[in-house]
């Protein structure tokens, strides 16, 4: 228990020092920067979580919001079933430590809630579990529309019995692949590994492709998730998700 507390304290101090250093060096630039806002809302046939190893198992509505000013951003994600009962809510606070045209280094902290529904004979109970996470992520851009990324999360469930562990992701992405004068394709391939307490480890691969018109902010997408090796029972196997998204 003491070791876990010391680890949490060390991680918190590390990220606090990064935030403090960057805040002091970039405060003037941030003050002169304007606030940028954006949002993507998608309807999914099978809701896929921020870590694609986990899914809702039924259709979901997911909204990803971005509010950024200078090197700082607030990036909440809100996911609901079609019955409008909450599935999860992420609240990411990000800091771009290095922001160059070809390379970006980002760190962040997330406080989130995951919701589970339990049915009793006379009522349904919606239970919330709190999670904290820290992130370090690097992005290398070959061109403005093509990049590779390496990302690490340390997840820390706050309630007894919740998951704690590590998430590592390596991904490549290519955007705006011209199909015709009116339509373009974006594609990505992600390989990720999860290492959580209990039998919740595994290596996964997930390709994703989307089709969009140039003159309208709507796209259709398809995503597949395949477990390569895992001790999760039952074996996760193959899952897929398709949907429609709108960006504004």
Foldseek 3Di string as FASTA:
>chain_A
DVVVVVVVVVVVVVVVVLCVVQCVVCVVVLVPWDKDKKKKKKWKQWAADPQRLDTPRGIKIKMWMWIDTGQWIWIKMWIAHPVRDGAKIKTKIKGFSDDDQFKTKMKIKIKMWGWDWDDDPVDIDIDIWIKIKIKIKMWGDPDPFKIKMWMKMFIDTDDPPDKTWIKIKIKIKGPFCDPDPFKGKIKMKMWMWIDIPDQFTFIKIKIKMWMDTPPFQKIKMKMKIATPDGRDPPDSGIDMMIIMMGMD
